[in-house]
Protein backbone atom coordinates (compact mmCIF):
# COMPACT_ATOMS: atom_id res chain seq x y z
CA MET A 1 -61.73 88.97 -37.68
CA ILE A 2 -62.16 85.82 -39.74
CA LEU A 3 -58.94 86.54 -41.63
CA ARG A 4 -57.11 86.91 -38.33
CA LYS A 5 -58.28 83.49 -37.13
CA ILE A 6 -57.19 81.89 -40.39
CA LEU A 7 -53.70 83.45 -40.11
CA LEU A 8 -53.33 82.26 -36.51
CA SER A 9 -54.38 78.73 -37.48
CA LEU A 10 -51.86 78.65 -40.33
CA LEU A 11 -49.15 79.95 -38.01
CA GLY A 12 -49.98 77.25 -35.48
CA LEU A 13 -49.76 74.54 -38.08
CA VAL A 14 -46.40 75.86 -39.26
CA LEU A 15 -45.06 75.89 -35.69
CA ILE A 16 -46.25 72.35 -35.12
CA GLY A 17 -44.62 71.19 -38.35
CA LEU A 18 -41.37 72.90 -37.41
CA SER A 19 -41.47 71.27 -33.96
CA VAL A 20 -41.98 67.83 -35.48
CA MET A 21 -39.09 68.36 -37.88
CA PHE A 22 -36.83 69.56 -35.06
CA ALA A 23 -37.69 66.57 -32.86
CA ALA A 24 -37.04 64.16 -35.73
CA SER A 25 -33.66 65.71 -36.33
CA LEU A 26 -32.78 65.37 -32.63
CA ILE A 27 -33.81 61.71 -32.60
CA SER A 28 -31.86 60.92 -35.72
CA GLY A 29 -28.85 62.71 -34.29
CA ASN A 30 -28.82 60.53 -31.13
CA LYS A 31 -28.43 57.25 -33.04
CA ARG A 32 -25.01 55.70 -32.46
CA GLN A 33 -23.40 53.24 -34.77
CA ARG A 34 -22.50 49.99 -33.02
CA PRO A 35 -18.76 49.29 -33.44
CA LYS A 36 -17.88 46.15 -35.30
CA PRO A 37 -16.30 43.50 -33.02
CA LYS A 38 -12.62 42.97 -33.53
CA LYS A 39 -11.58 39.50 -34.57
CA VAL A 40 -9.52 37.96 -31.69
CA ILE A 41 -6.94 35.35 -32.61
CA LYS A 42 -5.92 33.25 -29.64
CA THR A 43 -2.34 32.13 -29.10
CA VAL A 44 -1.86 28.43 -28.46
CA PHE A 45 1.02 26.29 -27.20
CA VAL A 46 1.83 23.30 -29.39
CA ASP A 47 4.00 20.19 -29.53
CA THR A 48 5.04 18.06 -32.47
CA VAL A 49 4.06 14.40 -32.07
CA GLN A 50 6.85 11.85 -32.00
CA ASN A 51 5.50 8.37 -31.21
CA THR A 52 7.79 6.34 -28.95
CA THR A 53 7.64 3.41 -26.54
CA ILE A 54 5.80 4.54 -23.39
CA PRO A 55 6.18 2.43 -20.19
CA ILE A 56 2.83 1.81 -18.53
CA MET A 57 3.34 2.51 -14.83
CA ILE A 58 0.56 1.43 -12.47
CA ALA A 59 0.39 3.81 -9.52
CA ALA A 60 -0.72 2.46 -6.14
CA ASN A 61 -0.25 3.33 -2.50
CA GLY A 62 -0.63 1.94 0.98
CA ASN A 63 0.87 1.63 4.44
CA LEU A 64 3.79 -0.58 5.35
CA VAL A 65 3.25 -3.55 7.63
CA SER A 66 5.83 -5.93 8.99
CA GLN A 67 6.13 -9.14 7.02
CA ARG A 68 6.41 -11.12 10.26
CA ARG A 69 4.07 -10.06 13.05
CA LEU A 70 3.12 -11.92 16.21
CA GLU A 71 0.23 -11.31 18.55
CA LEU A 72 1.32 -12.63 21.93
CA PHE A 73 -1.24 -14.61 23.93
CA SER A 74 -0.93 -16.58 27.14
CA GLU A 75 -1.88 -20.25 27.24
CA VAL A 76 -1.35 -20.57 30.99
CA GLN A 77 -2.11 -18.61 34.12
CA GLY A 78 0.45 -16.86 36.27
CA VAL A 79 1.88 -13.58 37.53
CA LEU A 80 4.17 -11.73 35.12
CA GLN A 81 7.70 -11.68 36.48
CA GLY A 82 10.36 -9.05 35.95
CA SER A 83 13.27 -9.82 33.63
CA ARG A 84 16.46 -8.19 32.38
CA LYS A 85 14.48 -6.12 29.87
CA LEU A 86 11.26 -4.27 30.58
CA PHE A 87 8.22 -5.56 28.74
CA LYS A 88 7.46 -2.18 27.15
CA PRO A 89 6.72 -0.93 23.60
CA GLY A 90 9.88 -0.15 21.66
CA GLN A 91 11.95 -2.77 23.47
CA GLU A 92 14.22 -4.72 21.11
CA TYR A 93 14.93 -8.45 21.46
CA LYS A 94 17.29 -10.87 19.79
CA LYS A 95 16.18 -14.25 18.48
CA GLY A 96 15.76 -16.71 21.36
CA GLU A 97 15.78 -14.00 24.02
CA THR A 98 13.06 -14.14 26.68
CA LEU A 99 10.17 -11.78 25.98
CA LEU A 100 8.33 -12.47 29.23
CA ARG A 101 8.14 -15.06 31.97
CA LEU A 102 5.24 -16.04 34.24
CA ASN A 103 5.63 -17.34 37.78
CA SER A 104 5.63 -21.14 37.40
CA ALA A 105 6.87 -22.26 40.85
CA GLU A 106 3.72 -24.21 41.70
CA TYR A 107 3.46 -25.91 38.34
CA TYR A 108 7.19 -26.64 38.33
CA ALA A 109 6.81 -28.56 41.61
CA THR A 110 4.05 -30.68 40.02
CA VAL A 111 6.30 -31.54 37.09
CA GLN A 112 9.16 -32.50 39.37
CA SER A 113 6.83 -34.74 41.37
CA GLN A 114 5.76 -36.59 38.22
CA LYS A 115 9.38 -36.99 37.13
CA SER A 116 10.22 -38.57 40.46
CA ASN A 117 7.23 -40.86 40.10
CA LEU A 118 8.49 -42.04 36.69
CA TYR A 119 11.97 -42.62 38.10
CA ASN A 120 10.56 -44.67 40.96
CA GLN A 121 8.44 -46.79 38.60
CA ILE A 122 11.46 -47.65 36.46
CA THR A 123 13.57 -48.38 39.53
CA ALA A 124 10.89 -50.77 40.84
CA ILE A 125 11.03 -52.99 37.73
CA MET A 126 14.81 -53.29 37.59
CA PRO A 127 15.03 -56.51 39.74
CA ASP A 128 12.45 -58.22 37.49
CA LEU A 129 14.30 -57.09 34.37
CA ARG A 130 17.57 -58.54 35.69
CA LEU A 131 15.94 -61.95 36.24
CA ASP A 132 13.40 -62.22 33.39
CA TYR A 133 14.86 -59.97 30.64
CA PRO A 134 18.62 -59.80 31.20
CA GLU A 135 19.19 -58.66 27.59
CA ALA A 136 17.18 -55.48 28.30
CA PHE A 137 18.55 -54.78 31.77
CA SER A 138 21.68 -52.88 30.66
CA LYS A 139 19.87 -50.28 28.53
CA TRP A 140 17.33 -49.52 31.26
CA GLN A 141 20.15 -49.31 33.78
CA ALA A 142 21.87 -46.75 31.51
CA TYR A 143 18.61 -44.86 31.24
CA LEU A 144 18.31 -44.56 35.01
CA GLU A 145 21.90 -43.37 35.28
CA SER A 146 21.26 -40.61 32.72
CA PHE A 147 17.97 -39.60 34.34
CA ASP A 148 18.16 -36.09 35.87
CA VAL A 149 15.11 -34.67 37.61
CA ASP A 150 16.29 -31.09 36.91
CA LYS A 151 16.49 -31.69 33.17
CA THR A 152 14.07 -32.69 30.43
CA VAL A 153 13.10 -36.35 30.62
CA PRO A 154 15.05 -38.31 27.96
CA PRO A 155 13.19 -40.65 25.54
CA LEU A 156 12.51 -44.14 26.82
CA PRO A 157 14.82 -46.91 25.60
CA GLU A 158 13.65 -48.69 22.48
CA MET A 159 11.90 -51.98 23.31
CA THR A 160 13.36 -54.71 21.13
CA SER A 161 11.07 -57.64 21.98
CA GLU A 162 7.36 -58.18 22.30
CA LYS A 163 7.71 -59.65 25.81
CA GLU A 164 9.70 -56.63 26.97
CA SER A 165 7.09 -54.32 25.50
CA TYR A 166 4.26 -56.13 27.30
CA PHE A 167 6.19 -56.07 30.56
CA ILE A 168 7.04 -52.33 30.42
CA THR A 169 3.56 -51.34 29.26
CA GLY A 170 1.94 -53.42 31.99
CA ARG A 171 3.79 -51.34 34.60
CA ASN A 172 2.27 -48.08 33.08
CA ILE A 173 5.73 -46.70 32.42
CA PRO A 174 4.97 -45.34 28.87
CA SER A 175 1.76 -43.74 30.17
CA THR A 176 3.65 -42.03 33.00
CA TYR A 177 6.40 -40.95 30.61
CA TYR A 178 4.02 -39.22 28.17
CA ASN A 179 2.18 -37.60 31.07
CA VAL A 180 5.49 -36.09 32.22
CA LYS A 181 6.28 -34.92 28.66
CA ASN A 182 2.87 -33.25 28.49
CA LEU A 183 3.54 -31.45 31.77
CA GLU A 184 6.99 -30.36 30.54
CA GLN A 185 5.44 -29.00 27.36
CA ARG A 186 2.94 -26.96 29.33
CA LEU A 187 5.67 -25.75 31.69
CA SER A 188 7.55 -24.31 28.72
CA LYS A 189 4.56 -22.05 28.00
CA TYR A 190 5.32 -20.04 31.15
CA ARG A 191 8.23 -18.56 29.22
CA ILE A 192 7.77 -16.85 25.84
CA SER A 193 10.93 -16.31 23.82
CA ALA A 194 11.51 -14.24 20.67
CA PRO A 195 11.19 -16.41 17.53
CA PHE A 196 13.16 -13.80 15.55
CA THR A 197 15.01 -10.54 16.10
CA GLY A 198 12.53 -7.69 16.34
CA ILE A 199 10.83 -5.10 18.47
CA LEU A 200 7.85 -5.02 20.81
CA THR A 201 5.20 -2.64 19.42
CA GLN A 202 2.45 -3.20 22.00
CA ALA A 203 2.49 -4.27 25.65
CA LEU A 204 -0.83 -4.85 27.43
CA VAL A 205 0.53 -6.20 30.73
CA THR A 206 3.12 -5.01 33.23
CA GLU A 207 5.26 -6.66 35.88
CA GLY A 208 3.09 -8.15 38.62
CA THR A 209 -0.02 -8.49 36.43
CA LEU A 210 -2.03 -11.69 36.85
CA VAL A 211 -2.20 -13.22 33.39
CA ARG A 212 -5.02 -15.59 32.50
CA PRO A 213 -5.22 -18.20 29.71
CA GLY A 214 -6.21 -16.64 26.38
CA GLN A 215 -5.28 -13.12 27.46
CA LYS A 216 -3.51 -10.97 24.86
CA LEU A 217 -0.13 -9.75 26.08
CA GLY A 218 1.11 -7.57 23.21
CA GLU A 219 2.43 -7.49 19.66
CA TYR A 220 5.90 -8.24 18.33
CA ILE A 221 7.21 -7.51 14.81
CA ASP A 222 10.25 -8.13 12.66
CA THR A 223 11.82 -4.78 11.68
CA SER A 224 14.06 -6.10 8.91
CA VAL A 225 11.43 -6.84 6.24
CA TYR A 226 8.20 -4.95 5.45
CA GLU A 227 5.36 -5.43 3.01
CA LEU A 228 3.17 -3.00 1.11
CA GLU A 229 -0.27 -4.25 0.10
CA VAL A 230 -1.64 -2.50 -3.00
CA ALA A 231 -4.89 -2.94 -4.91
CA ILE A 232 -4.55 -3.13 -8.71
CA SER A 233 -7.31 -3.11 -11.32
CA LYS A 234 -8.22 -6.58 -12.54
CA SER A 235 -7.36 -5.53 -16.12
CA TYR A 236 -3.69 -5.61 -15.11
CA ALA A 237 -3.85 -8.91 -13.25
CA ASP A 238 -2.09 -10.78 -16.05
CA LEU A 239 0.70 -8.19 -16.09
CA LEU A 240 1.67 -8.63 -12.43
CA GLN A 241 4.48 -11.11 -12.05
CA VAL A 242 6.17 -12.26 -8.85
CA GLY A 243 9.70 -10.89 -8.83
CA ASN A 244 8.93 -7.64 -10.68
CA THR A 245 10.82 -4.65 -9.28
CA VAL A 246 8.81 -1.73 -7.95
CA ALA A 247 9.84 1.89 -7.37
CA LEU A 248 8.58 3.17 -4.02
CA SER A 249 8.62 6.70 -2.65
CA THR A 250 7.31 8.68 0.30
CA LEU A 251 4.40 11.08 -0.14
CA ASP A 252 6.74 14.10 -0.25
CA LYS A 253 9.05 12.34 -2.77
CA GLU A 254 12.03 12.97 -0.50
CA LYS A 255 12.98 9.30 -0.10
CA GLU A 256 12.88 6.49 -2.63
CA TYR A 257 13.10 2.74 -2.10
CA GLN A 258 13.30 -0.39 -4.22
CA GLY A 259 10.90 -3.26 -3.68
CA LYS A 260 9.75 -6.38 -5.46
CA VAL A 261 6.47 -8.21 -5.88
CA VAL A 262 6.54 -11.33 -3.67
CA ARG A 263 2.90 -12.44 -3.83
CA VAL A 264 -0.17 -11.81 -5.98
CA ASN A 265 -3.58 -12.76 -4.64
CA GLY A 266 -5.46 -15.19 -6.84
CA ASN A 267 -8.83 -13.81 -5.74
CA ILE A 268 -10.40 -10.65 -7.23
CA ASP A 269 -12.37 -8.43 -4.86
CA GLN A 270 -15.97 -8.56 -6.09
CA ALA A 271 -16.88 -5.11 -4.79
CA SER A 272 -13.95 -3.10 -6.19
CA GLN A 273 -12.89 -5.50 -8.98
CA THR A 274 -9.27 -5.19 -7.88
CA ILE A 275 -6.55 -7.70 -7.09
CA ASN A 276 -4.09 -7.38 -4.22
CA ALA A 277 -0.35 -7.48 -4.79
CA TYR A 278 2.23 -7.61 -2.00
CA ILE A 279 5.51 -5.73 -2.36
CA GLU A 280 8.48 -6.60 -0.17
CA VAL A 281 10.85 -3.79 0.81
CA LYS A 282 13.90 -3.73 3.07
CA ASP A 283 15.51 -0.61 4.52
CA PRO A 284 16.76 0.23 8.03
CA SER A 285 15.07 3.64 7.93
CA LEU A 286 11.58 2.23 7.36
CA ARG A 287 8.97 1.89 10.08
CA GLU A 288 5.65 0.11 10.21
CA GLY A 289 2.77 2.36 9.16
CA VAL A 290 4.80 4.53 6.76
CA TYR A 291 2.68 5.64 3.78
CA LEU A 292 4.36 4.83 0.45
CA GLU A 293 3.47 5.26 -3.19
CA ALA A 294 4.35 2.49 -5.62
CA ASN A 295 4.85 2.52 -9.40
CA LEU A 296 4.58 -0.94 -10.89
CA ASN A 297 6.11 -1.38 -14.35
CA ALA A 298 3.23 -3.19 -16.06
CA ARG A 299 4.16 -3.17 -19.77
CA GLN A 300 5.63 -1.18 -22.68
CA GLU A 301 3.21 0.49 -25.12
CA GLU A 302 4.65 0.82 -28.63
CA ASN A 303 3.96 3.81 -30.94
CA ALA A 304 2.24 5.95 -28.33
CA ILE A 305 2.49 9.34 -26.66
CA SER A 306 1.67 10.60 -23.18
CA VAL A 307 -0.24 13.87 -22.72
CA SER A 308 -2.12 15.66 -19.97
CA ARG A 309 -5.62 14.31 -19.33
CA SER A 310 -7.00 17.87 -19.66
CA LEU A 311 -6.11 17.82 -23.38
CA LEU A 312 -8.25 14.78 -24.18
CA GLN A 313 -11.62 15.93 -25.49
CA PRO A 314 -14.96 14.07 -25.26
CA ASN A 315 -15.38 11.14 -27.63
CA ASP A 316 -11.61 10.48 -27.42
CA GLN A 317 -10.47 13.38 -29.59
CA LEU A 318 -7.47 15.70 -29.56
CA PHE A 319 -6.98 19.24 -30.91
CA VAL A 320 -4.36 19.72 -33.63
CA VAL A 321 -3.27 22.84 -35.54
CA ARG A 322 -3.37 22.84 -39.33
CA ASP A 323 -2.48 26.05 -41.19
CA SER A 324 -3.31 28.22 -38.13
CA ILE A 325 -6.72 26.56 -37.77
CA LEU A 326 -7.79 24.20 -35.01
CA ASP A 327 -8.89 20.73 -36.03
CA ILE A 328 -9.64 17.51 -34.12
CA VAL A 329 -8.40 13.97 -34.64
CA ASP A 330 -9.62 10.70 -33.19
CA VAL A 331 -7.23 8.93 -30.81
CA THR A 332 -7.22 5.70 -28.80
CA PRO A 333 -6.63 6.04 -25.03
CA VAL A 334 -4.59 3.11 -23.70
CA TYR A 335 -3.98 3.95 -20.06
CA TYR A 336 -5.10 6.67 -17.65
CA SER A 337 -2.97 7.83 -14.73
CA ASP A 338 -3.82 10.55 -12.21
CA LYS A 339 -2.54 13.35 -14.46
CA GLU A 340 -1.73 11.87 -17.85
CA VAL A 341 -3.17 9.59 -20.49
CA VAL A 342 -1.30 7.34 -22.93
CA LEU A 343 -2.64 7.64 -26.50
CA ARG A 344 -2.24 5.64 -29.68
CA ASP A 345 -3.21 6.42 -33.31
CA VAL A 346 -1.80 9.97 -33.20
CA PRO A 347 -0.02 10.66 -36.54
CA ASN A 348 3.71 11.28 -36.35
CA GLY A 349 4.58 14.92 -37.00
CA ALA A 350 1.09 16.19 -36.09
CA VAL A 351 1.10 19.54 -34.29
CA ILE A 352 -1.05 19.07 -31.18
CA VAL A 353 -2.19 21.66 -28.67
CA SER A 354 -0.06 21.18 -25.53
CA LYS A 355 -2.08 23.41 -23.17
CA PRO A 356 -5.88 23.73 -22.86
CA VAL A 357 -7.49 26.57 -24.84
CA PRO A 358 -10.71 27.98 -23.30
CA GLY A 359 -13.62 27.97 -25.74
CA ALA A 360 -11.68 26.06 -28.41
CA TYR A 361 -13.59 24.54 -31.31
CA ALA A 362 -12.79 22.95 -34.65
CA GLY A 363 -12.21 25.63 -37.31
CA MET A 364 -11.07 28.26 -34.79
CA LEU A 365 -8.33 30.60 -36.08
CA VAL A 366 -5.28 30.51 -33.78
CA LYS A 367 -1.70 31.72 -33.62
CA ILE A 368 1.12 29.42 -32.56
CA TYR A 369 3.22 30.69 -29.67
CA GLN A 370 6.79 31.08 -30.88
CA GLU A 371 8.85 30.45 -27.79
CA LYS A 372 12.19 30.92 -29.54
CA GLN A 373 11.13 34.26 -31.00
CA LYS A 374 9.84 35.41 -27.61
CA ASN A 375 13.14 34.50 -25.92
CA LEU A 376 15.06 36.38 -28.64
CA GLN A 377 12.90 39.48 -28.11
CA ASP A 378 13.49 39.33 -24.35
CA LYS A 379 17.26 39.08 -24.85
CA THR A 380 17.21 42.03 -27.28
CA ALA A 381 15.24 44.13 -24.83
CA LEU A 382 17.74 43.35 -22.04
CA LYS A 383 20.70 44.35 -24.23
CA THR A 384 18.98 47.65 -25.17
CA GLU A 385 18.46 48.50 -21.53
């Protein structure tokens, strides 16, 4: 009985030992060796540096406005009368042509009355002139003969003596004359004529409208010459010269124009630290409000290159390839445009990375993309097919 218990205990221990050994073997068999990562060599696009003279082009944009623009206002009161051309937007006028006319019948009658009054005053002094100042009689007689109530009052004869001057002034003739000239001047304001050939862009009154003094009537522009106002950084203020030619283009680049700088503002905007330049452009196809982009030729930068802004690394550095290994060199940015940057201090013959490489770092192993070899392989494959 005791021997049997001992045998069973030994058998149990053996079974437990065998179980432990079997489990250990299973665990050791499930261990997988982690594969070693393959070394990836990235392919990069490169360019060989050749320093040249790079023109610095300052890009700017804005909307065209007419160089000569008039806001029409009335200085007198009256009803707008109809004329040969309708006072409507888009109506073209020649220089000197009537833009609009106000009803001036009542005021015209007042002017004619004052002209008659002046004529009567001069006529009344003629007998005294014949007796007291015979030397002056002939010129005043000629003045009366040339006097026409329906025309502008001619200038008074020149008074050659002090006595004549006292006599004429004492009869209030000069005062009446200047009063008539003042009325004639105001009468002319009932008609507004075109100071230059252009087009009406805004009309705020129509035929039959009662116009009051100070009321805005519309806007009139010259369509032969336009201006583009652009804001340039103050750092280029000394480079802007009146007379410089400027290349202009529409937003879609379909049309190009030639302009020139006609004015440069002497004041720098304190908020934006920019200076305004005004570019004159002439073309029959242009219209006010057209959006144009301008490229001002500021200066020439010697021994420089132009690359994409995405290639410039922090701290003004650039990736180069040396013996299939990436390296960085320090460069000096000279000018930034929207897409490119002009750099100096890049060694001639250096092989620079021409397209961004994700995750690039100095010391990275790379392979240069051989474009010629790739094209040759493509041509060979086409011939085989």
